[in-house]
Amino acid sequence: MKHILFAATLGLLSATIATAQPANAQSRKAAPVSPPLVVVEDRGGVSALPYYQPLNPQDAGPAQPAAPVPTPRVGTPGEAEAAMLPVRSARLSPGDEPRRVIRAPGLMPLFLVGDDDRSRAWLRQRRAALQELRAVGLVINVATPQALTALRRLAPGLTLSPVSGDDLAQRLGIRHYPVLITATGIEP
C-alpha cells in the first residue's frame, strides 16, 4: 500500500513540476509555485523526504545531480526472487500463536510459514484447507532458493512468496508462526 501511495504521489508531483517548468527565461520569473504537499495519512516509518528533495527546484537553489542508485540486474523471475533472499523476520519466531478474533473486512486469507520443522508439518496438515480458502503464503523466514523450493514442493497449488513479516506482525500483534490470518481471525 505504501508503494502504491508513493508511486501515485511521485507521479502527481512529477506532473505538477513538468507543467510548472517555464518555456523560456522570461517566464521563469513568473512560474507558479506549486502548493505544499498535504499529508493524508501518516503511519510513521522512514521519511520519504530525501526522495522528494531532488524534485523540488523552487526551494533547492541550484540543482545538483542525484547520485546514481545501482540497480541489481536480474534476468529471470527466479533470479529476481533469489536476489530477495535471505528473508528474516525479527519479530516472529516458530511457536504457538493464540487463536483470536479480528475484524479485517476484505482481507484475503493468508498464512505465515518459515523454513523450519514446525512450518513444514503445519503446511502438510493444512494444505487442503488452505487451498480451499485460496490462501496466499508468506514465507517470512527463509535463507536460500533451495529451501523455498522445498517448501513449495510440500504445498503444490499454493502460492508461497518470500517476504518479511515484521510489519504485519506489528500491526496484528502476532509473535509466532505458522499461522493462518483471515478477515475474521488468527489461528495457529
N, C-alpha and C. Protein backbone atom coordinates (compact mmCIF):
# COMPACT_ATOMS: atom_id res chain seq x y z
N MET A 1 0.83 -1.18 0.00
CA MET A 1 0.00 0.00 0.00
C MET A 1 0.87 1.25 0.00
N LYS A 2 1.94 1.23 0.81
CA LYS A 2 2.84 2.38 0.86
C LYS A 2 3.47 2.63 -0.50
N HIS A 3 3.82 1.52 -1.20
CA HIS A 3 4.46 1.65 -2.51
C HIS A 3 3.50 2.28 -3.51
N ILE A 4 2.21 1.90 -3.46
CA ILE A 4 1.23 2.45 -4.38
C ILE A 4 1.03 3.93 -4.09
N LEU A 5 0.88 4.28 -2.82
CA LEU A 5 0.71 5.67 -2.43
C LEU A 5 1.93 6.49 -2.83
N PHE A 6 3.12 5.95 -2.64
CA PHE A 6 4.35 6.64 -3.01
C PHE A 6 4.41 6.86 -4.50
N ALA A 7 4.09 5.82 -5.28
CA ALA A 7 4.14 5.92 -6.74
C ALA A 7 3.13 6.94 -7.25
N ALA A 8 1.92 6.94 -6.69
CA ALA A 8 0.90 7.89 -7.12
C ALA A 8 1.32 9.32 -6.78
N THR A 9 1.86 9.52 -5.58
CA THR A 9 2.31 10.84 -5.17
C THR A 9 3.46 11.30 -6.05
N LEU A 10 4.39 10.41 -6.34
CA LEU A 10 5.54 10.74 -7.17
C LEU A 10 5.08 11.13 -8.57
N GLY A 11 4.12 10.38 -9.14
CA GLY A 11 3.59 10.70 -10.47
C GLY A 11 2.90 12.06 -10.49
N LEU A 12 2.08 12.33 -9.47
CA LEU A 12 1.40 13.62 -9.38
C LEU A 12 2.40 14.74 -9.23
N LEU A 13 3.40 14.54 -8.40
CA LEU A 13 4.42 15.56 -8.19
C LEU A 13 5.21 15.80 -9.46
N SER A 14 5.55 14.75 -10.20
CA SER A 14 6.28 14.91 -11.46
C SER A 14 5.46 15.68 -12.48
N ALA A 15 4.17 15.38 -12.56
CA ALA A 15 3.30 16.08 -13.50
C ALA A 15 3.18 17.55 -13.12
N THR A 16 3.08 17.84 -11.83
CA THR A 16 2.98 19.22 -11.36
C THR A 16 4.25 19.99 -11.70
N ILE A 17 5.39 19.38 -11.49
CA ILE A 17 6.66 20.04 -11.78
C ILE A 17 6.82 20.25 -13.28
N ALA A 18 6.42 19.25 -14.08
CA ALA A 18 6.56 19.36 -15.53
C ALA A 18 5.70 20.50 -16.08
N THR A 19 4.50 20.67 -15.54
CA THR A 19 3.64 21.75 -16.03
C THR A 19 4.08 23.09 -15.49
N ALA A 20 4.81 23.11 -14.41
CA ALA A 20 5.27 24.37 -13.82
C ALA A 20 6.59 24.84 -14.41
N GLN A 21 7.27 24.02 -15.26
CA GLN A 21 8.54 24.41 -15.85
C GLN A 21 8.30 25.51 -16.87
N PRO A 22 9.03 26.63 -16.81
CA PRO A 22 8.84 27.73 -17.75
C PRO A 22 9.38 27.37 -19.13
N ALA A 23 8.77 27.98 -20.15
CA ALA A 23 9.18 27.72 -21.52
C ALA A 23 10.44 28.50 -21.89
N ASN A 24 10.65 29.67 -21.28
CA ASN A 24 11.85 30.45 -21.56
C ASN A 24 12.30 31.18 -20.31
N ALA A 25 13.38 31.91 -20.41
CA ALA A 25 13.95 32.55 -19.23
C ALA A 25 13.06 33.66 -18.71
N GLN A 26 12.30 34.36 -19.59
CA GLN A 26 11.44 35.45 -19.14
C GLN A 26 10.29 34.92 -18.31
N SER A 27 9.71 33.81 -18.71
CA SER A 27 8.59 33.28 -17.95
C SER A 27 9.03 32.57 -16.69
N ARG A 28 10.34 32.35 -16.52
CA ARG A 28 10.87 31.70 -15.34
C ARG A 28 10.53 32.51 -14.09
N LYS A 29 10.57 33.82 -14.19
CA LYS A 29 10.28 34.68 -13.03
C LYS A 29 8.82 34.57 -12.63
N ALA A 30 7.93 34.32 -13.59
CA ALA A 30 6.51 34.28 -13.30
C ALA A 30 5.99 32.86 -13.13
N ALA A 31 6.87 31.88 -13.05
CA ALA A 31 6.45 30.50 -12.92
C ALA A 31 5.68 30.30 -11.62
N PRO A 32 4.54 29.64 -11.71
CA PRO A 32 3.76 29.41 -10.49
C PRO A 32 4.48 28.44 -9.56
N VAL A 33 4.31 28.65 -8.28
CA VAL A 33 4.88 27.77 -7.27
C VAL A 33 3.79 26.79 -6.87
N SER A 34 4.10 25.52 -6.95
CA SER A 34 3.10 24.51 -6.58
C SER A 34 2.85 24.55 -5.08
N PRO A 35 1.61 24.26 -4.69
CA PRO A 35 1.28 24.28 -3.26
C PRO A 35 2.00 23.16 -2.53
N PRO A 36 2.20 23.31 -1.22
CA PRO A 36 2.88 22.25 -0.47
C PRO A 36 2.04 20.98 -0.45
N LEU A 37 2.72 19.84 -0.30
CA LEU A 37 2.03 18.56 -0.22
C LEU A 37 1.18 18.51 1.05
N VAL A 38 0.04 17.83 0.96
CA VAL A 38 -0.84 17.65 2.10
C VAL A 38 -0.70 16.21 2.56
N VAL A 39 -0.42 16.00 3.83
CA VAL A 39 -0.30 14.65 4.38
C VAL A 39 -1.70 14.13 4.66
N VAL A 40 -2.09 13.06 3.95
CA VAL A 40 -3.40 12.48 4.11
C VAL A 40 -3.41 11.51 5.29
N GLU A 41 -2.35 10.72 5.40
CA GLU A 41 -2.25 9.76 6.50
C GLU A 41 -0.78 9.52 6.77
N ASP A 42 -0.44 9.46 8.04
CA ASP A 42 0.95 9.21 8.43
C ASP A 42 0.96 8.10 9.45
N ARG A 43 1.51 6.94 9.04
CA ARG A 43 1.60 5.79 9.95
C ARG A 43 3.01 5.60 10.47
N GLY A 44 3.79 6.67 10.44
CA GLY A 44 5.16 6.57 10.93
C GLY A 44 6.06 5.97 9.89
N GLY A 45 7.20 5.48 10.30
CA GLY A 45 8.14 4.88 9.37
C GLY A 45 9.25 5.84 9.01
N VAL A 46 9.92 5.56 7.95
CA VAL A 46 11.05 6.34 7.49
C VAL A 46 10.55 7.45 6.56
N SER A 47 11.06 8.64 6.74
CA SER A 47 10.66 9.77 5.92
C SER A 47 11.05 9.56 4.46
N ALA A 48 10.16 9.95 3.55
CA ALA A 48 10.43 9.89 2.12
C ALA A 48 11.01 11.20 1.59
N LEU A 49 11.23 12.17 2.47
CA LEU A 49 11.72 13.48 2.07
C LEU A 49 12.97 13.43 1.21
N PRO A 50 13.96 12.58 1.51
CA PRO A 50 15.15 12.53 0.64
C PRO A 50 14.82 12.21 -0.82
N TYR A 51 13.75 11.46 -1.07
CA TYR A 51 13.37 11.12 -2.45
C TYR A 51 12.71 12.31 -3.14
N TYR A 52 12.05 13.18 -2.38
CA TYR A 52 11.35 14.32 -2.96
C TYR A 52 12.25 15.53 -3.17
N GLN A 53 13.30 15.68 -2.38
CA GLN A 53 14.13 16.87 -2.46
C GLN A 53 14.68 17.14 -3.86
N PRO A 54 15.17 16.15 -4.60
CA PRO A 54 15.65 16.45 -5.96
C PRO A 54 14.54 16.92 -6.90
N LEU A 55 13.28 16.71 -6.55
CA LEU A 55 12.16 17.09 -7.40
C LEU A 55 11.61 18.48 -7.08
N ASN A 56 12.16 19.18 -6.11
CA ASN A 56 11.62 20.46 -5.67
C ASN A 56 12.58 21.59 -5.99
N PRO A 57 12.63 22.05 -7.24
CA PRO A 57 13.61 23.06 -7.64
C PRO A 57 13.36 24.43 -7.02
N GLN A 58 12.13 24.75 -6.57
CA GLN A 58 11.84 26.07 -6.01
C GLN A 58 12.64 26.33 -4.75
N ASP A 59 12.79 25.32 -3.89
CA ASP A 59 13.44 25.51 -2.60
C ASP A 59 14.89 25.07 -2.58
N ALA A 60 15.30 24.32 -3.58
CA ALA A 60 16.61 23.69 -3.52
C ALA A 60 17.75 24.58 -3.98
N GLY A 61 17.45 25.70 -4.66
CA GLY A 61 18.52 26.54 -5.19
C GLY A 61 19.07 25.88 -6.44
N PRO A 62 20.38 26.00 -6.68
CA PRO A 62 20.95 25.38 -7.88
C PRO A 62 20.79 23.86 -7.82
N ALA A 63 20.35 23.32 -8.93
CA ALA A 63 20.12 21.87 -8.98
C ALA A 63 21.43 21.11 -8.93
N GLN A 64 21.43 20.05 -8.13
CA GLN A 64 22.59 19.17 -8.05
C GLN A 64 22.16 17.81 -8.56
N PRO A 65 22.97 17.20 -9.39
CA PRO A 65 22.56 15.89 -9.91
C PRO A 65 22.47 14.87 -8.78
N ALA A 66 21.44 14.05 -8.86
CA ALA A 66 21.26 12.99 -7.87
C ALA A 66 22.30 11.91 -8.08
N ALA A 67 22.74 11.33 -6.99
CA ALA A 67 23.71 10.23 -7.08
C ALA A 67 23.03 9.02 -7.70
N PRO A 68 23.66 8.36 -8.63
CA PRO A 68 23.03 7.19 -9.25
C PRO A 68 22.87 6.06 -8.23
N VAL A 69 21.73 5.41 -8.32
CA VAL A 69 21.44 4.29 -7.44
C VAL A 69 21.66 3.02 -8.25
N PRO A 70 22.55 2.13 -7.78
CA PRO A 70 22.79 0.91 -8.54
C PRO A 70 21.55 0.02 -8.55
N THR A 71 21.22 -0.48 -9.71
CA THR A 71 20.08 -1.36 -9.87
C THR A 71 20.59 -2.77 -10.12
N PRO A 72 20.17 -3.72 -9.26
CA PRO A 72 20.61 -5.09 -9.50
C PRO A 72 20.04 -5.60 -10.80
N ARG A 73 20.85 -6.31 -11.56
CA ARG A 73 20.43 -6.87 -12.85
C ARG A 73 20.03 -8.33 -12.64
N VAL A 74 18.78 -8.60 -12.95
CA VAL A 74 18.29 -9.97 -12.87
C VAL A 74 17.58 -10.28 -14.16
N GLY A 75 17.75 -11.48 -14.64
CA GLY A 75 17.17 -11.85 -15.93
C GLY A 75 15.84 -12.56 -15.83
N THR A 76 15.72 -13.51 -14.93
CA THR A 76 14.51 -14.32 -14.84
C THR A 76 13.79 -14.04 -13.53
N PRO A 77 12.50 -14.40 -13.45
CA PRO A 77 11.80 -14.23 -12.18
C PRO A 77 12.46 -15.00 -11.03
N GLY A 78 13.03 -16.16 -11.34
CA GLY A 78 13.73 -16.94 -10.32
C GLY A 78 14.95 -16.21 -9.78
N GLU A 79 15.67 -15.54 -10.68
CA GLU A 79 16.83 -14.75 -10.25
C GLU A 79 16.39 -13.55 -9.42
N ALA A 80 15.28 -12.95 -9.80
CA ALA A 80 14.76 -11.80 -9.04
C ALA A 80 14.37 -12.24 -7.63
N GLU A 81 13.71 -13.39 -7.54
CA GLU A 81 13.30 -13.90 -6.24
C GLU A 81 14.52 -14.27 -5.40
N ALA A 82 15.52 -14.88 -6.01
CA ALA A 82 16.74 -15.26 -5.30
C ALA A 82 17.46 -14.02 -4.76
N ALA A 83 17.37 -12.91 -5.50
CA ALA A 83 18.01 -11.67 -5.06
C ALA A 83 17.35 -11.12 -3.79
N MET A 84 16.10 -11.52 -3.52
CA MET A 84 15.39 -11.04 -2.33
C MET A 84 15.79 -11.84 -1.08
N LEU A 85 16.44 -12.97 -1.27
CA LEU A 85 16.78 -13.84 -0.15
C LEU A 85 18.14 -13.48 0.42
N PRO A 86 18.41 -13.73 1.66
CA PRO A 86 17.56 -14.35 2.67
C PRO A 86 16.51 -13.37 3.20
N VAL A 87 15.39 -13.94 3.64
CA VAL A 87 14.33 -13.17 4.29
C VAL A 87 14.35 -13.54 5.76
N ARG A 88 14.40 -12.54 6.60
CA ARG A 88 14.36 -12.74 8.06
C ARG A 88 13.31 -11.81 8.65
N SER A 89 12.53 -12.34 9.57
CA SER A 89 11.52 -11.56 10.28
C SER A 89 11.89 -11.60 11.76
N ALA A 90 12.48 -10.53 12.23
CA ALA A 90 13.00 -10.49 13.60
C ALA A 90 11.90 -10.52 14.65
N ARG A 91 10.70 -10.07 14.31
CA ARG A 91 9.60 -10.01 15.28
C ARG A 91 8.85 -11.33 15.43
N LEU A 92 9.18 -12.31 14.59
CA LEU A 92 8.44 -13.57 14.60
C LEU A 92 9.36 -14.75 14.81
N SER A 93 8.84 -15.75 15.54
CA SER A 93 9.59 -16.98 15.76
C SER A 93 8.62 -18.16 15.72
N PRO A 94 9.11 -19.37 15.45
CA PRO A 94 8.22 -20.53 15.47
C PRO A 94 7.64 -20.72 16.86
N GLY A 95 6.35 -21.03 16.93
CA GLY A 95 5.70 -21.23 18.22
C GLY A 95 4.20 -21.26 18.08
N ASP A 96 3.53 -21.29 19.23
CA ASP A 96 2.07 -21.34 19.26
C ASP A 96 1.50 -19.94 19.43
N GLU A 97 0.85 -19.44 18.40
CA GLU A 97 0.17 -18.15 18.45
C GLU A 97 -1.25 -18.40 18.94
N PRO A 98 -1.70 -17.65 19.93
CA PRO A 98 -3.07 -17.88 20.43
C PRO A 98 -4.12 -17.53 19.37
N ARG A 99 -5.17 -18.33 19.34
CA ARG A 99 -6.30 -18.09 18.44
C ARG A 99 -7.05 -16.85 18.95
N ARG A 100 -7.43 -15.97 18.00
CA ARG A 100 -8.21 -14.80 18.40
C ARG A 100 -9.01 -14.26 17.22
N VAL A 101 -10.02 -13.48 17.56
CA VAL A 101 -10.91 -12.88 16.57
C VAL A 101 -10.36 -11.52 16.19
N ILE A 102 -10.39 -11.22 14.89
CA ILE A 102 -10.05 -9.88 14.41
C ILE A 102 -11.15 -9.43 13.46
N ARG A 103 -11.18 -8.14 13.20
CA ARG A 103 -12.13 -7.59 12.23
C ARG A 103 -11.32 -6.91 11.14
N ALA A 104 -11.18 -7.58 10.01
CA ALA A 104 -10.44 -7.04 8.87
C ALA A 104 -11.23 -7.34 7.60
N PRO A 105 -12.38 -6.68 7.43
CA PRO A 105 -13.21 -6.96 6.26
C PRO A 105 -12.42 -6.77 4.97
N GLY A 106 -12.59 -7.70 4.05
CA GLY A 106 -11.92 -7.62 2.76
C GLY A 106 -10.54 -8.24 2.72
N LEU A 107 -10.00 -8.63 3.86
CA LEU A 107 -8.67 -9.25 3.88
C LEU A 107 -8.75 -10.64 3.29
N MET A 108 -7.93 -10.89 2.27
CA MET A 108 -7.91 -12.23 1.71
C MET A 108 -7.12 -13.15 2.64
N PRO A 109 -7.49 -14.41 2.73
CA PRO A 109 -6.78 -15.31 3.62
C PRO A 109 -5.30 -15.43 3.26
N LEU A 110 -4.48 -15.37 4.28
CA LEU A 110 -3.05 -15.56 4.08
C LEU A 110 -2.48 -16.32 5.26
N PHE A 111 -1.33 -16.90 5.04
CA PHE A 111 -0.70 -17.64 6.13
C PHE A 111 0.79 -17.34 6.14
N LEU A 112 1.36 -17.45 7.33
CA LEU A 112 2.78 -17.21 7.54
C LEU A 112 3.46 -18.51 7.89
N VAL A 113 4.53 -18.82 7.19
CA VAL A 113 5.35 -20.00 7.48
C VAL A 113 6.81 -19.63 7.33
N GLY A 114 7.66 -20.51 7.83
CA GLY A 114 9.10 -20.32 7.69
C GLY A 114 9.74 -21.62 7.25
N ASP A 115 11.04 -21.59 7.15
CA ASP A 115 11.79 -22.79 6.77
C ASP A 115 12.22 -23.49 8.06
N ASP A 116 11.26 -24.18 8.69
CA ASP A 116 11.52 -24.90 9.94
C ASP A 116 10.58 -26.11 10.01
N ASP A 117 10.89 -27.04 10.90
CA ASP A 117 10.12 -28.27 11.00
C ASP A 117 8.65 -28.02 11.34
N ARG A 118 8.38 -27.09 12.25
CA ARG A 118 7.00 -26.80 12.66
C ARG A 118 6.19 -26.31 11.46
N SER A 119 6.76 -25.41 10.67
CA SER A 119 6.05 -24.87 9.50
C SER A 119 5.82 -25.95 8.45
N ARG A 120 6.81 -26.80 8.25
CA ARG A 120 6.64 -27.88 7.26
C ARG A 120 5.51 -28.83 7.67
N ALA A 121 5.45 -29.21 8.93
CA ALA A 121 4.38 -30.09 9.41
C ALA A 121 3.02 -29.39 9.30
N TRP A 122 2.97 -28.11 9.63
CA TRP A 122 1.75 -27.31 9.56
C TRP A 122 1.25 -27.25 8.11
N LEU A 123 2.14 -27.04 7.16
CA LEU A 123 1.77 -27.00 5.74
C LEU A 123 1.20 -28.33 5.28
N ARG A 124 1.84 -29.44 5.69
CA ARG A 124 1.35 -30.77 5.29
C ARG A 124 -0.07 -31.01 5.82
N GLN A 125 -0.30 -30.65 7.09
CA GLN A 125 -1.60 -30.89 7.73
C GLN A 125 -2.71 -30.02 7.16
N ARG A 126 -2.41 -28.79 6.80
CA ARG A 126 -3.44 -27.82 6.43
C ARG A 126 -3.50 -27.49 4.94
N ARG A 127 -2.75 -28.18 4.13
CA ARG A 127 -2.66 -27.85 2.71
C ARG A 127 -4.03 -27.82 2.04
N ALA A 128 -4.86 -28.82 2.23
CA ALA A 128 -6.18 -28.88 1.58
C ALA A 128 -7.06 -27.71 2.03
N ALA A 129 -7.07 -27.40 3.32
CA ALA A 129 -7.89 -26.28 3.82
C ALA A 129 -7.38 -24.95 3.28
N LEU A 130 -6.08 -24.80 3.18
CA LEU A 130 -5.50 -23.56 2.65
C LEU A 130 -5.85 -23.40 1.17
N GLN A 131 -5.84 -24.51 0.43
CA GLN A 131 -6.21 -24.45 -0.99
C GLN A 131 -7.68 -24.09 -1.14
N GLU A 132 -8.53 -24.66 -0.29
CA GLU A 132 -9.96 -24.36 -0.35
C GLU A 132 -10.21 -22.87 -0.06
N LEU A 133 -9.44 -22.29 0.84
CA LEU A 133 -9.58 -20.87 1.17
C LEU A 133 -8.93 -19.96 0.12
N ARG A 134 -8.12 -20.58 -0.74
CA ARG A 134 -7.29 -19.82 -1.70
C ARG A 134 -6.37 -18.85 -0.96
N ALA A 135 -5.81 -19.35 0.12
CA ALA A 135 -4.91 -18.55 0.95
C ALA A 135 -3.56 -18.38 0.26
N VAL A 136 -2.96 -17.24 0.49
CA VAL A 136 -1.63 -16.95 -0.05
C VAL A 136 -0.63 -17.08 1.09
N GLY A 137 0.49 -17.75 0.80
CA GLY A 137 1.50 -17.98 1.83
C GLY A 137 2.63 -16.97 1.77
N LEU A 138 2.99 -16.46 2.93
CA LEU A 138 4.14 -15.59 3.07
C LEU A 138 5.21 -16.37 3.81
N VAL A 139 6.33 -16.59 3.15
CA VAL A 139 7.44 -17.30 3.77
C VAL A 139 8.30 -16.23 4.42
N ILE A 140 8.20 -16.14 5.73
CA ILE A 140 8.76 -15.00 6.45
C ILE A 140 10.16 -15.24 7.01
N ASN A 141 10.62 -16.45 6.94
CA ASN A 141 11.99 -16.78 7.34
C ASN A 141 12.49 -17.90 6.42
N VAL A 142 13.37 -17.51 5.49
CA VAL A 142 13.93 -18.49 4.55
C VAL A 142 15.25 -17.92 4.05
N ALA A 143 16.24 -18.78 3.94
CA ALA A 143 17.59 -18.31 3.60
C ALA A 143 17.97 -18.50 2.13
N THR A 144 17.56 -19.61 1.52
CA THR A 144 18.07 -19.93 0.19
C THR A 144 16.93 -20.25 -0.78
N PRO A 145 17.20 -20.11 -2.07
CA PRO A 145 16.21 -20.52 -3.06
C PRO A 145 15.85 -22.00 -2.96
N GLN A 146 16.83 -22.82 -2.59
CA GLN A 146 16.58 -24.26 -2.46
C GLN A 146 15.59 -24.54 -1.32
N ALA A 147 15.73 -23.83 -0.21
CA ALA A 147 14.81 -24.01 0.91
C ALA A 147 13.40 -23.57 0.53
N LEU A 148 13.28 -22.48 -0.21
CA LEU A 148 11.98 -22.00 -0.68
C LEU A 148 11.34 -23.02 -1.63
N THR A 149 12.13 -23.58 -2.51
CA THR A 149 11.65 -24.61 -3.45
C THR A 149 11.15 -25.83 -2.69
N ALA A 150 11.87 -26.22 -1.66
CA ALA A 150 11.46 -27.39 -0.85
C ALA A 150 10.11 -27.12 -0.17
N LEU A 151 9.91 -25.91 0.32
CA LEU A 151 8.62 -25.57 0.94
C LEU A 151 7.50 -25.61 -0.11
N ARG A 152 7.78 -25.12 -1.29
CA ARG A 152 6.77 -25.13 -2.36
C ARG A 152 6.40 -26.56 -2.77
N ARG A 153 7.36 -27.47 -2.70
CA ARG A 153 7.07 -28.87 -3.03
C ARG A 153 6.11 -29.49 -2.02
N LEU A 154 6.13 -29.01 -0.79
CA LEU A 154 5.22 -29.51 0.25
C LEU A 154 3.79 -29.01 0.05
N ALA A 155 3.65 -27.91 -0.69
CA ALA A 155 2.33 -27.30 -0.84
C ALA A 155 2.02 -26.98 -2.29
N PRO A 156 1.96 -28.01 -3.15
CA PRO A 156 1.66 -27.73 -4.55
C PRO A 156 0.26 -27.09 -4.67
N GLY A 157 0.15 -26.13 -5.56
CA GLY A 157 -1.13 -25.44 -5.75
C GLY A 157 -1.29 -24.22 -4.89
N LEU A 158 -0.39 -24.00 -3.95
CA LEU A 158 -0.45 -22.81 -3.10
C LEU A 158 0.65 -21.83 -3.52
N THR A 159 0.36 -20.56 -3.40
CA THR A 159 1.34 -19.53 -3.68
C THR A 159 2.15 -19.29 -2.42
N LEU A 160 3.47 -19.38 -2.52
CA LEU A 160 4.37 -19.09 -1.40
C LEU A 160 5.36 -18.03 -1.86
N SER A 161 5.34 -16.89 -1.21
CA SER A 161 6.22 -15.78 -1.58
C SER A 161 7.09 -15.38 -0.40
N PRO A 162 8.39 -15.19 -0.65
CA PRO A 162 9.27 -14.76 0.43
C PRO A 162 9.08 -13.27 0.72
N VAL A 163 8.78 -12.96 1.97
CA VAL A 163 8.55 -11.57 2.35
C VAL A 163 8.74 -11.44 3.86
N SER A 164 9.26 -10.32 4.31
CA SER A 164 9.41 -10.10 5.74
C SER A 164 8.02 -9.93 6.37
N GLY A 165 7.83 -10.54 7.51
CA GLY A 165 6.54 -10.45 8.19
C GLY A 165 6.54 -9.47 9.35
N ASP A 166 7.61 -8.69 9.52
CA ASP A 166 7.71 -7.81 10.68
C ASP A 166 6.62 -6.75 10.74
N ASP A 167 6.30 -6.12 9.62
CA ASP A 167 5.27 -5.08 9.61
C ASP A 167 3.91 -5.68 9.94
N LEU A 168 3.58 -6.80 9.33
CA LEU A 168 2.32 -7.49 9.60
C LEU A 168 2.24 -7.94 11.05
N ALA A 169 3.35 -8.46 11.57
CA ALA A 169 3.38 -8.91 12.96
C ALA A 169 3.11 -7.75 13.91
N GLN A 170 3.70 -6.61 13.63
CA GLN A 170 3.50 -5.45 14.48
C GLN A 170 2.05 -4.97 14.42
N ARG A 171 1.50 -4.90 13.22
CA ARG A 171 0.13 -4.39 13.06
C ARG A 171 -0.91 -5.32 13.68
N LEU A 172 -0.69 -6.63 13.60
CA LEU A 172 -1.67 -7.58 14.11
C LEU A 172 -1.32 -8.14 15.49
N GLY A 173 -0.17 -7.78 16.01
CA GLY A 173 0.23 -8.28 17.33
C GLY A 173 0.57 -9.76 17.32
N ILE A 174 1.13 -10.22 16.24
CA ILE A 174 1.50 -11.64 16.12
C ILE A 174 2.96 -11.80 16.52
N ARG A 175 3.26 -12.86 17.29
CA ARG A 175 4.64 -13.11 17.70
C ARG A 175 5.18 -14.44 17.17
N HIS A 176 4.26 -15.35 16.79
CA HIS A 176 4.70 -16.68 16.39
C HIS A 176 4.06 -17.11 15.07
N TYR A 177 4.67 -18.07 14.45
CA TYR A 177 4.17 -18.69 13.23
C TYR A 177 4.49 -20.17 13.33
N PRO A 178 3.85 -21.01 12.54
CA PRO A 178 2.93 -20.78 11.44
C PRO A 178 1.55 -20.35 11.94
N VAL A 179 0.88 -19.56 11.09
CA VAL A 179 -0.42 -19.02 11.47
C VAL A 179 -1.23 -18.70 10.23
N LEU A 180 -2.55 -18.86 10.33
CA LEU A 180 -3.48 -18.50 9.28
C LEU A 180 -4.18 -17.22 9.70
N ILE A 181 -4.25 -16.26 8.78
CA ILE A 181 -4.91 -14.98 9.06
C ILE A 181 -6.03 -14.81 8.05
N THR A 182 -7.26 -14.62 8.56
CA THR A 182 -8.41 -14.38 7.69
C THR A 182 -9.04 -13.05 8.09
N ALA A 183 -10.10 -12.68 7.41
CA ALA A 183 -10.79 -11.42 7.72
C ALA A 183 -11.41 -11.44 9.10
N THR A 184 -11.61 -12.63 9.65
CA THR A 184 -12.30 -12.74 10.95
C THR A 184 -11.45 -13.27 12.09
N GLY A 185 -10.25 -13.78 11.80
CA GLY A 185 -9.49 -14.33 12.90
C GLY A 185 -8.06 -14.72 12.55
N ILE A 186 -7.33 -15.01 13.62
CA ILE A 186 -5.97 -15.52 13.55
C ILE A 186 -5.97 -16.86 14.24
N GLU A 187 -5.47 -17.87 13.56
CA GLU A 187 -5.44 -19.20 14.17
C GLU A 187 -4.13 -19.93 13.87
N PRO A 188 -3.68 -20.68 14.86
CA PRO A 188 -2.43 -21.43 14.69
C PRO A 188 -2.59 -22.61 13.75
